[in-house]
Amino acid sequence: MRLHLKLSCQEIIIVAINPDKLLNLHIPDREQSYTIKDTILYALGCGLGLDPSDEGQLAFAYEEGLQALPTMASVLAYPGFWIRDLDTGVDWVKLLHGEQGISLHKPLPPEGTVVSSSRVTDVIDKGEGRGALVVWQKTLYDKASGDQLATVETVAFCRGDGGFGGPLRAQPQPHQLPDRAPDLECVLPTSPQAALIYRLSGDWNPLHADPAVARAAGFERPILHGLATFGVAGHALLRGLGNYNAETLGTMKARFTAPVYPGETLSTEIWQEEGHVSFRVKSVERGVVAINNGYATII
């Protein structure tokens, strides 16, 4: 949909989301070769190795017997900022990362070449002034074998795009946490340098590095990437329930609810339930929930 307005003899074109166009949008495939150095760097950005005497953490941060942290599937062969760079009609300036999920089909190789194929799977109009949701999925393959490694789902909250004319639908209900005390709590520190390290895995947004940009966005200082916090949660699940074995994590999904500042301590609360676990992540210092409605399967 395009609306044409004329003000003071100037034509202003307002582009709105077209759901059919988004659902049929061609997002270019992406290929990425990576080494054990990239795998270690990603793990360091998620806080692995902060205790260098912990052999469980070293399994992800030292080349001997190296494992890839499963949440690295989120960043491998990333298709880029396609929602801005392609003709989507989305007001990307007001875009927020709403939810993230991964399903692991095979353990990620610690090095190799992967290929991704991405597509939009759903577009939800929440109504004028309430925004819209764009759900997209990335499928990750090992290039050498052709094996499917992981499926990654992202929910983008488009704050400025509600009321585009789609059928109004409620946002799918998030996974509900149990109404009882958690069975397990895993407390992990983050480094003050965490965002500066994590951004080297591919997200160069200055919001996570430049104090002036962070202040302009309303934050007191640069914030940690949401996917880095997601990686810390993955670390906590492997530490608490998986004995630091990357093959034990099957699926993991959650909703982002508040930013984290590098250097904060993160507490992951875990509930063990039949067939799955529930979790959420809190900043110990500020008491805010950074990741909520978490769901995971531990094999």
Protein backbone atom coordinates (compact mmCIF):
# COMPACT_ATOMS: atom_id res chain seq x y z
CA MET A 1 0.00 0.00 0.00
CA ARG A 2 1.27 3.50 -0.84
CA LEU A 3 -0.41 6.72 0.25
CA HIS A 4 0.32 9.88 -1.73
CA LEU A 5 -0.05 13.24 -0.01
CA LYS A 6 0.72 16.71 -1.33
CA LEU A 7 1.82 19.36 1.11
CA SER A 8 3.15 22.76 -0.07
CA CYS A 9 3.47 21.42 -3.61
CA GLN A 10 5.65 18.56 -2.44
CA GLU A 11 4.61 14.96 -2.80
CA ILE A 12 5.16 12.76 0.26
CA ILE A 13 4.99 9.00 -0.21
CA ILE A 14 4.11 6.94 2.83
CA VAL A 15 4.92 3.27 2.36
CA ALA A 16 2.98 0.76 4.44
CA ILE A 17 3.47 -2.94 5.02
CA ASN A 18 2.02 -5.19 2.34
CA PRO A 19 1.71 -8.61 4.02
CA ASP A 20 1.44 -10.58 0.76
CA LYS A 21 4.57 -8.89 -0.53
CA LEU A 22 6.46 -9.68 2.66
CA LEU A 23 5.36 -13.31 2.65
CA ASN A 24 6.66 -13.67 -0.90
CA LEU A 25 9.76 -11.57 -0.41
CA HIS A 26 13.01 -13.04 -1.71
CA ILE A 27 15.65 -12.80 1.00
CA PRO A 28 19.00 -13.72 -0.56
CA ASP A 29 20.67 -16.89 0.69
CA ARG A 30 23.85 -16.38 2.66
CA GLU A 31 27.02 -18.46 2.85
CA GLN A 32 29.60 -18.14 5.62
CA SER A 33 32.88 -19.89 6.28
CA TYR A 34 34.07 -19.75 9.87
CA THR A 35 37.00 -21.06 11.87
CA ILE A 36 37.56 -22.22 15.43
CA LYS A 37 38.69 -18.67 16.17
CA ASP A 38 35.19 -17.38 15.27
CA THR A 39 33.56 -20.06 17.40
CA ILE A 40 35.73 -19.19 20.41
CA LEU A 41 35.15 -15.45 19.89
CA TYR A 42 31.37 -15.97 19.90
CA ALA A 43 31.58 -17.97 23.13
CA LEU A 44 33.76 -15.32 24.77
CA GLY A 45 31.19 -12.68 23.80
CA CYS A 46 28.54 -14.71 25.63
CA GLY A 47 30.67 -14.92 28.77
CA LEU A 48 32.20 -18.36 28.43
CA GLY A 49 35.71 -18.39 29.88
CA LEU A 50 35.16 -15.72 32.51
CA ASP A 51 36.21 -18.48 34.89
CA PRO A 52 39.24 -19.82 32.99
CA SER A 53 39.68 -22.67 35.47
CA ASP A 54 36.20 -24.05 34.73
CA GLU A 55 36.76 -26.97 32.36
CA GLY A 56 33.10 -26.92 31.31
CA GLN A 57 33.42 -23.37 30.02
CA LEU A 58 36.77 -24.10 28.39
CA ALA A 59 35.05 -26.70 26.20
CA PHE A 60 33.64 -23.70 24.29
CA ALA A 61 36.62 -21.34 24.62
CA TYR A 62 39.68 -23.54 23.99
CA GLU A 63 40.56 -25.29 20.75
CA GLU A 64 41.25 -28.72 22.28
CA GLY A 65 37.97 -30.64 22.13
CA LEU A 66 36.15 -27.46 21.10
CA GLN A 67 32.33 -27.39 21.00
CA ALA A 68 30.25 -24.67 19.37
CA LEU A 69 27.78 -22.96 21.69
CA PRO A 70 24.37 -23.96 20.22
CA THR A 71 23.03 -20.38 20.26
CA MET A 72 25.69 -19.49 17.67
CA ALA A 73 23.14 -20.77 15.14
CA SER A 74 21.45 -17.36 15.54
CA VAL A 75 24.42 -15.49 14.03
CA LEU A 76 25.85 -17.93 11.50
CA ALA A 77 25.11 -17.06 7.84
CA TYR A 78 22.96 -14.15 9.02
CA PRO A 79 21.14 -12.58 6.04
CA GLY A 80 21.92 -9.04 7.20
CA PHE A 81 19.56 -6.15 7.91
CA TRP A 82 17.23 -7.24 5.12
CA ILE A 83 14.19 -5.64 6.74
CA ARG A 84 15.85 -2.27 6.10
CA ASP A 85 17.82 -3.01 2.95
CA LEU A 86 15.03 -4.67 0.94
CA ASP A 87 11.73 -3.10 -0.12
CA THR A 88 9.66 -4.16 2.91
CA GLY A 89 7.69 -1.03 3.81
CA VAL A 90 8.76 -1.46 7.45
CA ASP A 91 9.70 1.61 9.49
CA TRP A 92 12.98 0.01 10.55
CA VAL A 93 13.96 2.93 12.81
CA LYS A 94 11.22 1.82 15.24
CA LEU A 95 12.07 -1.86 14.98
CA LEU A 96 12.61 -3.99 18.11
CA HIS A 97 13.82 -7.57 18.47
CA GLY A 98 10.80 -9.20 20.10
CA GLU A 99 11.47 -12.92 20.33
CA GLN A 100 14.08 -15.48 19.36
CA GLY A 101 13.99 -19.23 18.97
CA ILE A 102 16.34 -21.96 17.77
CA SER A 103 15.85 -25.65 17.03
CA LEU A 104 19.03 -27.69 16.70
CA HIS A 105 18.89 -30.65 14.32
CA LYS A 106 22.58 -31.53 14.61
CA PRO A 107 25.45 -30.13 16.71
CA LEU A 108 27.07 -27.11 15.08
CA PRO A 109 30.53 -27.91 13.73
CA PRO A 110 33.25 -25.85 15.48
CA GLU A 111 34.43 -24.80 12.01
CA GLY A 112 33.22 -25.14 8.45
CA THR A 113 31.03 -23.49 5.83
CA VAL A 114 27.30 -23.03 6.30
CA VAL A 115 24.51 -21.77 4.04
CA SER A 116 21.26 -20.18 5.15
CA SER A 117 17.88 -19.79 3.49
CA SER A 118 15.48 -17.22 5.00
CA ARG A 119 11.82 -16.37 4.50
CA VAL A 120 9.00 -14.44 6.17
CA THR A 121 6.50 -16.88 7.68
CA ASP A 122 3.88 -14.57 9.21
CA VAL A 123 2.81 -10.91 9.39
CA ILE A 124 0.48 -9.81 12.20
CA ASP A 125 -1.32 -6.46 12.30
CA LYS A 126 -1.91 -5.50 15.94
CA GLY A 127 -3.81 -2.35 14.98
CA GLU A 128 -3.20 1.37 14.59
CA GLY A 129 -0.78 2.61 17.24
CA ARG A 130 -0.06 -0.91 18.48
CA GLY A 131 2.46 -1.99 15.88
CA ALA A 132 2.90 -5.12 13.80
CA LEU A 133 4.85 -8.36 14.04
CA VAL A 134 6.98 -9.80 11.26
CA VAL A 135 8.00 -13.41 11.86
CA TRP A 136 10.86 -14.78 9.81
CA GLN A 137 12.73 -18.06 9.73
CA LYS A 138 16.32 -18.93 8.84
CA THR A 139 17.24 -22.52 7.99
CA LEU A 140 20.93 -23.32 8.40
CA TYR A 141 22.70 -26.04 6.39
CA ASP A 142 26.18 -27.52 6.41
CA LYS A 143 27.53 -26.86 2.91
CA ALA A 144 29.79 -29.90 2.71
CA SER A 145 27.20 -32.51 3.72
CA GLY A 146 23.95 -30.69 2.94
CA ASP A 147 22.71 -31.61 6.42
CA GLN A 148 20.22 -29.26 8.07
CA LEU A 149 21.84 -27.96 11.24
CA ALA A 150 19.30 -25.59 12.77
CA THR A 151 16.12 -23.62 12.30
CA VAL A 152 16.13 -20.10 13.73
CA GLU A 153 12.95 -18.05 14.19
CA THR A 154 12.91 -14.33 14.88
CA VAL A 155 9.93 -12.13 15.74
CA ALA A 156 10.45 -8.47 14.83
CA PHE A 157 8.21 -5.98 16.63
CA CYS A 158 7.55 -3.16 14.16
CA ARG A 159 6.33 -0.39 16.47
CA GLY A 160 5.51 2.08 13.68
CA ASP A 161 3.62 -0.21 11.32
CA GLY A 162 0.33 -1.16 12.94
CA GLY A 163 -2.92 -0.57 11.07
CA PHE A 164 -1.58 -1.45 7.63
CA GLY A 165 -4.88 -3.05 6.65
CA GLY A 166 -4.27 -6.67 7.49
CA PRO A 167 -6.81 -8.69 9.44
CA LEU A 168 -6.40 -7.81 13.09
CA ARG A 169 -5.00 -10.71 15.07
CA ALA A 170 -3.76 -11.00 18.61
CA GLN A 171 -0.11 -11.78 19.14
CA PRO A 172 0.36 -15.49 19.88
CA GLN A 173 0.50 -16.05 23.61
CA PRO A 174 4.02 -16.57 24.96
CA HIS A 175 5.03 -19.67 26.86
CA GLN A 176 3.75 -19.35 30.42
CA LEU A 177 6.10 -19.86 33.34
CA PRO A 178 5.02 -22.01 36.31
CA ASP A 179 3.47 -20.22 39.26
CA ARG A 180 5.99 -21.52 41.77
CA ALA A 181 9.57 -21.01 42.83
CA PRO A 182 12.17 -22.08 40.26
CA ASP A 183 13.82 -25.47 40.66
CA LEU A 184 17.24 -24.14 39.77
CA GLU A 185 19.02 -20.81 39.54
CA CYS A 186 22.21 -20.26 37.56
CA VAL A 187 23.99 -16.97 38.27
CA LEU A 188 26.57 -15.85 35.72
CA PRO A 189 28.58 -12.61 35.50
CA THR A 190 29.03 -10.63 32.32
CA SER A 191 32.13 -8.65 31.46
CA PRO A 192 32.08 -4.85 31.11
CA GLN A 193 33.63 -5.56 27.69
CA ALA A 194 30.97 -8.10 26.70
CA ALA A 195 29.26 -5.96 24.04
CA LEU A 196 32.60 -4.92 22.51
CA ILE A 197 33.54 -8.59 22.18
CA TYR A 198 30.15 -9.87 21.07
CA ARG A 199 29.81 -7.31 18.25
CA LEU A 200 32.83 -8.91 16.56
CA SER A 201 30.55 -11.85 15.76
CA GLY A 202 28.69 -9.65 13.28
CA ASP A 203 26.38 -7.11 14.94
CA TRP A 204 28.16 -3.75 14.56
CA ASN A 205 25.27 -1.58 15.76
CA PRO A 206 26.93 1.41 17.51
CA LEU A 207 24.22 1.28 20.17
CA HIS A 208 26.36 -1.42 21.78
CA ALA A 209 29.66 0.46 21.61
CA ASP A 210 29.27 4.25 21.34
CA PRO A 211 28.16 6.02 24.55
CA ALA A 212 26.82 9.02 22.58
CA VAL A 213 24.63 6.78 20.40
CA ALA A 214 23.37 4.94 23.47
CA ARG A 215 22.45 8.19 25.24
CA ALA A 216 20.63 9.43 22.13
CA ALA A 217 18.60 6.22 22.22
CA GLY A 218 17.66 6.82 25.86
CA PHE A 219 20.17 4.55 27.61
CA GLU A 220 22.71 5.66 30.19
CA ARG A 221 25.46 3.74 28.37
CA PRO A 222 25.86 1.09 25.63
CA ILE A 223 23.67 -1.97 26.15
CA LEU A 224 24.42 -5.62 25.59
CA HIS A 225 23.06 -7.25 22.44
CA GLY A 226 19.84 -9.15 23.05
CA LEU A 227 21.30 -12.19 21.32
CA ALA A 228 24.30 -12.05 23.66
CA THR A 229 21.89 -12.25 26.62
CA PHE A 230 20.20 -15.14 24.78
CA GLY A 231 23.62 -16.79 24.58
CA VAL A 232 24.13 -16.31 28.34
CA ALA A 233 20.79 -18.06 28.89
CA GLY A 234 21.95 -20.92 26.66
CA HIS A 235 25.15 -21.13 28.72
CA ALA A 236 23.07 -21.30 31.92
CA LEU A 237 20.91 -24.13 30.56
CA LEU A 238 23.96 -26.15 29.52
CA ARG A 239 25.65 -25.49 32.86
CA GLY A 240 22.61 -26.25 34.98
CA LEU A 241 21.11 -29.20 33.13
CA GLY A 242 23.33 -30.26 30.24
CA ASN A 243 26.69 -30.86 31.95
CA TYR A 244 28.25 -28.48 29.38
CA ASN A 245 27.45 -30.90 26.54
CA ALA A 246 26.33 -28.90 23.48
CA GLU A 247 24.42 -31.90 22.12
CA THR A 248 21.93 -31.79 25.00
CA LEU A 249 20.19 -28.56 23.89
CA GLY A 250 17.36 -29.32 21.45
CA THR A 251 15.22 -26.18 21.27
CA MET A 252 15.27 -22.81 22.98
CA LYS A 253 12.98 -19.82 22.58
CA ALA A 254 12.15 -16.73 24.61
CA ARG A 255 10.89 -13.14 24.56
CA PHE A 256 13.12 -10.09 25.08
CA THR A 257 11.67 -7.76 27.70
CA ALA A 258 14.41 -5.38 28.91
CA PRO A 259 17.99 -4.42 28.01
CA VAL A 260 21.08 -5.59 29.88
CA TYR A 261 24.15 -3.48 30.57
CA PRO A 262 27.56 -5.11 30.11
CA GLY A 263 29.06 -5.97 33.48
CA GLU A 264 25.75 -6.89 35.10
CA THR A 265 25.21 -10.25 36.77
CA LEU A 266 22.52 -12.39 35.16
CA SER A 267 20.41 -14.89 37.04
CA THR A 268 18.71 -17.57 34.93
CA GLU A 269 15.78 -19.13 36.81
CA ILE A 270 14.87 -22.60 35.54
CA TRP A 271 11.77 -24.73 36.06
CA GLN A 272 11.92 -28.42 35.17
CA GLU A 273 8.66 -29.68 33.70
CA GLU A 274 7.54 -32.80 31.90
CA GLY A 275 9.25 -32.88 28.50
CA HIS A 276 10.75 -29.38 28.69
CA VAL A 277 12.09 -26.66 30.92
CA SER A 278 10.93 -23.07 31.42
CA PHE A 279 13.29 -20.18 32.15
CA ARG A 280 13.73 -16.44 32.51
CA VAL A 281 16.76 -14.17 32.92
CA LYS A 282 17.04 -11.31 35.43
CA SER A 283 19.58 -8.59 36.05
CA VAL A 284 20.67 -9.16 39.64
CA GLU A 285 21.72 -5.54 40.14
CA ARG A 286 18.53 -3.92 38.82
CA GLY A 287 16.03 -6.70 39.46
CA VAL A 288 14.53 -6.42 35.96
CA VAL A 289 13.56 -9.37 33.78
CA ALA A 290 15.61 -9.19 30.57
CA ILE A 291 14.37 -12.42 28.96
CA ASN A 292 10.99 -13.90 29.81
CA ASN A 293 8.66 -16.75 28.83
CA GLY A 294 11.60 -19.03 28.04
CA TYR A 295 11.05 -22.58 26.78
CA ALA A 296 13.74 -25.19 26.09
CA THR A 297 14.21 -28.90 25.63
CA ILE A 298 17.21 -30.68 27.08
CA ILE A 299 17.85 -34.03 25.42
